[in-house]
Amino acid sequence: MHVTPSFVESVLSAYPFALLIIQDKNLVDDSELKEISRLIVRFYDQWEMDLDLLEKEAIELRYFERKSFSDIAAELGYENHSSAKRLIDHSVKRIADSIQKSYK
């Protein structure tokens, strides 16, 4: 299975919405939308186990709280936004590589 960083980013971006959909009482539990949302949540729950605390915080700030690289850099104590971007890019690539290895 070929997993790209952009696939990982798509799942991470969908995660906050998936949580809202799962909690929506107006949707039946076995709806296709809730099933897909549960899958997205399970993906991240598995992936986050491989992240260290700094990587996890950076991912959550970027994809769940939708913060800019500059805001993330300031929050994590980095000098500039490019350091935060490198950390997030590295973390996303590491997740993609890990998934790919698990399917070999």
N, C-alpha and C. Protein backbone atom coordinates (compact mmCIF):
# COMPACT_ATOMS: atom_id res chain seq x y z
N MET A 1 0.85 -1.18 0.00
CA MET A 1 0.00 0.00 0.00
C MET A 1 0.89 1.24 0.00
N HIS A 2 0.68 2.11 -0.96
CA HIS A 2 1.47 3.33 -1.05
C HIS A 2 0.74 4.46 -0.32
N VAL A 3 1.33 4.94 0.75
CA VAL A 3 0.74 6.01 1.55
C VAL A 3 1.63 7.24 1.43
N THR A 4 1.03 8.34 1.03
CA THR A 4 1.79 9.57 0.86
C THR A 4 1.57 10.52 2.04
N PRO A 5 2.49 11.43 2.25
CA PRO A 5 2.27 12.45 3.28
C PRO A 5 0.98 13.24 3.05
N SER A 6 0.60 13.46 1.79
CA SER A 6 -0.63 14.22 1.53
C SER A 6 -1.87 13.44 1.99
N PHE A 7 -1.83 12.10 1.90
CA PHE A 7 -2.93 11.29 2.44
C PHE A 7 -3.01 11.47 3.95
N VAL A 8 -1.87 11.41 4.61
CA VAL A 8 -1.83 11.60 6.07
C VAL A 8 -2.36 12.98 6.43
N GLU A 9 -1.95 14.00 5.70
CA GLU A 9 -2.43 15.36 5.97
C GLU A 9 -3.94 15.46 5.78
N SER A 10 -4.48 14.78 4.79
CA SER A 10 -5.92 14.79 4.56
C SER A 10 -6.68 14.19 5.73
N VAL A 11 -6.18 13.07 6.23
CA VAL A 11 -6.82 12.42 7.37
C VAL A 11 -6.70 13.32 8.61
N LEU A 12 -5.53 13.89 8.82
CA LEU A 12 -5.35 14.77 9.98
C LEU A 12 -6.28 15.98 9.89
N SER A 13 -6.44 16.54 8.71
CA SER A 13 -7.32 17.69 8.53
C SER A 13 -8.78 17.33 8.77
N ALA A 14 -9.16 16.10 8.46
CA ALA A 14 -10.54 15.65 8.63
C ALA A 14 -10.87 15.26 10.07
N TYR A 15 -9.85 15.02 10.87
CA TYR A 15 -10.04 14.50 12.23
C TYR A 15 -10.99 15.35 13.09
N PRO A 16 -10.83 16.67 13.18
CA PRO A 16 -11.76 17.45 14.03
C PRO A 16 -13.22 17.33 13.58
N PHE A 17 -13.43 17.27 12.27
CA PHE A 17 -14.78 17.13 11.74
C PHE A 17 -15.33 15.73 12.02
N ALA A 18 -14.45 14.74 11.94
CA ALA A 18 -14.86 13.36 12.23
C ALA A 18 -15.34 13.24 13.68
N LEU A 19 -14.66 13.90 14.59
CA LEU A 19 -15.09 13.87 15.99
C LEU A 19 -16.48 14.48 16.15
N LEU A 20 -16.73 15.59 15.48
CA LEU A 20 -18.04 16.23 15.55
C LEU A 20 -19.14 15.34 14.97
N ILE A 21 -18.84 14.69 13.87
CA ILE A 21 -19.82 13.80 13.23
C ILE A 21 -20.15 12.62 14.13
N ILE A 22 -19.15 12.05 14.76
CA ILE A 22 -19.37 10.92 15.66
C ILE A 22 -20.29 11.32 16.81
N GLN A 23 -20.15 12.54 17.29
CA GLN A 23 -20.94 13.02 18.42
C GLN A 23 -22.32 13.53 18.03
N ASP A 24 -22.59 13.65 16.74
CA ASP A 24 -23.86 14.19 16.25
C ASP A 24 -24.99 13.21 16.55
N LYS A 25 -25.90 13.61 17.40
CA LYS A 25 -27.03 12.76 17.80
C LYS A 25 -28.09 12.66 16.70
N ASN A 26 -28.04 13.55 15.72
CA ASN A 26 -29.03 13.53 14.63
C ASN A 26 -28.71 12.49 13.56
N LEU A 27 -27.50 11.97 13.58
CA LEU A 27 -27.11 10.92 12.63
C LEU A 27 -27.22 9.56 13.31
N VAL A 28 -27.75 8.60 12.59
CA VAL A 28 -27.83 7.24 13.15
C VAL A 28 -26.43 6.66 13.26
N ASP A 29 -26.22 5.81 14.26
CA ASP A 29 -24.89 5.28 14.53
C ASP A 29 -24.30 4.47 13.39
N ASP A 30 -25.14 3.80 12.61
CA ASP A 30 -24.58 2.98 11.53
C ASP A 30 -24.57 3.70 10.18
N SER A 31 -24.69 5.03 10.20
CA SER A 31 -24.62 5.79 8.95
C SER A 31 -23.21 5.69 8.36
N GLU A 32 -23.15 5.78 7.06
CA GLU A 32 -21.86 5.69 6.37
C GLU A 32 -20.92 6.81 6.81
N LEU A 33 -21.49 7.99 7.02
CA LEU A 33 -20.69 9.13 7.45
C LEU A 33 -20.06 8.89 8.82
N LYS A 34 -20.81 8.31 9.74
CA LYS A 34 -20.25 8.01 11.06
C LYS A 34 -19.20 6.90 10.98
N GLU A 35 -19.43 5.92 10.11
CA GLU A 35 -18.44 4.84 9.95
C GLU A 35 -17.12 5.38 9.41
N ILE A 36 -17.18 6.24 8.41
CA ILE A 36 -15.96 6.85 7.86
C ILE A 36 -15.29 7.71 8.94
N SER A 37 -16.07 8.44 9.69
CA SER A 37 -15.53 9.28 10.75
C SER A 37 -14.83 8.45 11.82
N ARG A 38 -15.43 7.32 12.18
CA ARG A 38 -14.78 6.44 13.16
C ARG A 38 -13.45 5.91 12.64
N LEU A 39 -13.41 5.61 11.36
CA LEU A 39 -12.18 5.14 10.74
C LEU A 39 -11.09 6.21 10.80
N ILE A 40 -11.45 7.44 10.51
CA ILE A 40 -10.50 8.56 10.58
C ILE A 40 -9.96 8.70 12.00
N VAL A 41 -10.83 8.63 12.98
CA VAL A 41 -10.41 8.74 14.38
C VAL A 41 -9.49 7.58 14.76
N ARG A 42 -9.83 6.37 14.32
CA ARG A 42 -8.98 5.20 14.62
C ARG A 42 -7.60 5.36 13.98
N PHE A 43 -7.57 5.87 12.74
CA PHE A 43 -6.27 6.10 12.08
C PHE A 43 -5.39 6.97 12.97
N TYR A 44 -5.92 8.12 13.37
CA TYR A 44 -5.09 9.03 14.17
C TYR A 44 -4.73 8.42 15.52
N ASP A 45 -5.65 7.73 16.15
CA ASP A 45 -5.36 7.10 17.44
C ASP A 45 -4.18 6.13 17.33
N GLN A 46 -4.11 5.42 16.22
CA GLN A 46 -2.98 4.50 15.99
C GLN A 46 -1.70 5.28 15.69
N TRP A 47 -1.81 6.31 14.87
CA TRP A 47 -0.63 7.07 14.46
C TRP A 47 -0.01 7.82 15.62
N GLU A 48 -0.83 8.38 16.48
CA GLU A 48 -0.30 9.23 17.54
C GLU A 48 0.59 8.46 18.52
N MET A 49 0.44 7.16 18.58
CA MET A 49 1.27 6.36 19.47
C MET A 49 2.75 6.40 19.07
N ASP A 50 3.01 6.64 17.78
CA ASP A 50 4.38 6.69 17.28
C ASP A 50 5.01 8.09 17.37
N LEU A 51 4.23 9.08 17.77
CA LEU A 51 4.73 10.45 17.84
C LEU A 51 5.28 10.76 19.23
N ASP A 52 6.34 11.57 19.27
CA ASP A 52 6.78 12.04 20.59
C ASP A 52 5.90 13.23 20.97
N LEU A 53 6.04 13.72 22.18
CA LEU A 53 5.15 14.77 22.68
C LEU A 53 5.21 16.05 21.85
N LEU A 54 6.41 16.44 21.41
CA LEU A 54 6.56 17.65 20.62
C LEU A 54 5.89 17.50 19.25
N GLU A 55 6.08 16.35 18.62
CA GLU A 55 5.45 16.09 17.32
C GLU A 55 3.93 16.10 17.45
N LYS A 56 3.44 15.45 18.48
CA LYS A 56 2.00 15.38 18.70
C LYS A 56 1.42 16.78 18.92
N GLU A 57 2.09 17.58 19.73
CA GLU A 57 1.61 18.94 19.97
C GLU A 57 1.60 19.77 18.68
N ALA A 58 2.66 19.66 17.90
CA ALA A 58 2.75 20.41 16.64
C ALA A 58 1.64 19.98 15.68
N ILE A 59 1.41 18.68 15.56
CA ILE A 59 0.35 18.15 14.68
C ILE A 59 -1.01 18.67 15.14
N GLU A 60 -1.26 18.61 16.44
CA GLU A 60 -2.56 19.06 16.96
C GLU A 60 -2.76 20.56 16.75
N LEU A 61 -1.71 21.34 16.95
CA LEU A 61 -1.82 22.79 16.72
C LEU A 61 -2.11 23.10 15.25
N ARG A 62 -1.44 22.39 14.36
CA ARG A 62 -1.59 22.67 12.92
C ARG A 62 -2.91 22.16 12.35
N TYR A 63 -3.22 20.90 12.60
CA TYR A 63 -4.36 20.29 11.92
C TYR A 63 -5.66 20.35 12.72
N PHE A 64 -5.57 20.38 14.04
CA PHE A 64 -6.80 20.37 14.83
C PHE A 64 -7.20 21.77 15.27
N GLU A 65 -6.22 22.60 15.56
CA GLU A 65 -6.52 23.98 15.96
C GLU A 65 -6.32 24.97 14.81
N ARG A 66 -5.82 24.47 13.67
CA ARG A 66 -5.64 25.26 12.45
C ARG A 66 -4.75 26.48 12.63
N LYS A 67 -3.70 26.33 13.41
CA LYS A 67 -2.79 27.46 13.66
C LYS A 67 -1.76 27.57 12.54
N SER A 68 -1.28 28.76 12.33
CA SER A 68 -0.27 29.00 11.31
C SER A 68 1.09 28.48 11.81
N PHE A 69 2.02 28.33 10.87
CA PHE A 69 3.37 27.89 11.27
C PHE A 69 4.01 28.91 12.20
N SER A 70 3.76 30.18 11.97
CA SER A 70 4.32 31.23 12.84
C SER A 70 3.77 31.10 14.26
N ASP A 71 2.47 30.87 14.38
CA ASP A 71 1.86 30.69 15.71
C ASP A 71 2.40 29.45 16.41
N ILE A 72 2.55 28.38 15.64
CA ILE A 72 3.08 27.13 16.20
C ILE A 72 4.51 27.34 16.67
N ALA A 73 5.31 28.01 15.85
CA ALA A 73 6.70 28.28 16.23
C ALA A 73 6.76 29.06 17.53
N ALA A 74 5.95 30.08 17.65
CA ALA A 74 5.93 30.89 18.87
C ALA A 74 5.51 30.05 20.08
N GLU A 75 4.50 29.22 19.89
CA GLU A 75 4.00 28.41 20.99
C GLU A 75 4.99 27.34 21.44
N LEU A 76 5.76 26.82 20.48
CA LEU A 76 6.73 25.76 20.80
C LEU A 76 8.12 26.31 21.12
N GLY A 77 8.28 27.63 21.02
CA GLY A 77 9.55 28.25 21.37
C GLY A 77 10.59 28.24 20.26
N TYR A 78 10.16 28.10 19.01
CA TYR A 78 11.09 28.15 17.89
C TYR A 78 11.31 29.59 17.45
N GLU A 79 12.46 29.84 16.84
CA GLU A 79 12.81 31.18 16.36
C GLU A 79 11.94 31.64 15.20
N ASN A 80 11.66 30.72 14.26
CA ASN A 80 10.89 31.13 13.08
C ASN A 80 9.94 30.03 12.62
N HIS A 81 9.07 30.39 11.70
CA HIS A 81 8.03 29.46 11.24
C HIS A 81 8.59 28.26 10.50
N SER A 82 9.74 28.41 9.86
CA SER A 82 10.27 27.29 9.08
C SER A 82 10.66 26.11 9.96
N SER A 83 11.05 26.36 11.19
CA SER A 83 11.37 25.25 12.11
C SER A 83 10.12 24.45 12.44
N ALA A 84 9.02 25.15 12.66
CA ALA A 84 7.75 24.47 12.94
C ALA A 84 7.29 23.69 11.72
N LYS A 85 7.45 24.28 10.54
CA LYS A 85 7.06 23.59 9.31
C LYS A 85 7.88 22.32 9.11
N ARG A 86 9.19 22.41 9.34
CA ARG A 86 10.05 21.23 9.20
C ARG A 86 9.63 20.12 10.18
N LEU A 87 9.32 20.49 11.41
CA LEU A 87 8.89 19.51 12.41
C LEU A 87 7.61 18.82 11.96
N ILE A 88 6.65 19.58 11.50
CA ILE A 88 5.38 19.00 11.08
C ILE A 88 5.57 18.15 9.82
N ASP A 89 6.31 18.66 8.85
CA ASP A 89 6.57 17.88 7.63
C ASP A 89 7.27 16.57 7.96
N HIS A 90 8.25 16.62 8.84
CA HIS A 90 8.97 15.41 9.25
C HIS A 90 8.03 14.43 9.95
N SER A 91 7.18 14.93 10.81
CA SER A 91 6.24 14.07 11.55
C SER A 91 5.25 13.39 10.61
N VAL A 92 4.71 14.15 9.67
CA VAL A 92 3.76 13.61 8.71
C VAL A 92 4.44 12.55 7.83
N LYS A 93 5.65 12.83 7.39
CA LYS A 93 6.39 11.85 6.57
C LYS A 93 6.68 10.59 7.37
N ARG A 94 7.02 10.76 8.64
CA ARG A 94 7.30 9.61 9.50
C ARG A 94 6.05 8.73 9.67
N ILE A 95 4.89 9.36 9.80
CA ILE A 95 3.64 8.61 9.90
C ILE A 95 3.40 7.83 8.60
N ALA A 96 3.56 8.50 7.46
CA ALA A 96 3.35 7.85 6.16
C ALA A 96 4.31 6.68 5.98
N ASP A 97 5.57 6.87 6.34
CA ASP A 97 6.56 5.79 6.23
C ASP A 97 6.22 4.62 7.14
N SER A 98 5.76 4.94 8.33
CA SER A 98 5.40 3.90 9.30
C SER A 98 4.22 3.06 8.79
N ILE A 99 3.24 3.72 8.21
CA ILE A 99 2.08 3.00 7.66
C ILE A 99 2.54 2.09 6.52
N GLN A 100 3.38 2.66 5.67
CA GLN A 100 3.86 1.90 4.52
C GLN A 100 4.63 0.65 4.97
N LYS A 101 5.46 0.78 5.97
CA LYS A 101 6.24 -0.36 6.49
C LYS A 101 5.34 -1.42 7.09
N SER A 102 4.25 -1.00 7.72
CA SER A 102 3.36 -1.96 8.36
C SER A 102 2.59 -2.82 7.35
N TYR A 103 2.52 -2.37 6.09
CA TYR A 103 1.82 -3.13 5.06
C TYR A 103 2.75 -3.95 4.19
N LYS A 104 4.04 -3.95 4.50
CA LYS A 104 4.99 -4.74 3.70
C LYS A 104 5.12 -6.14 4.22
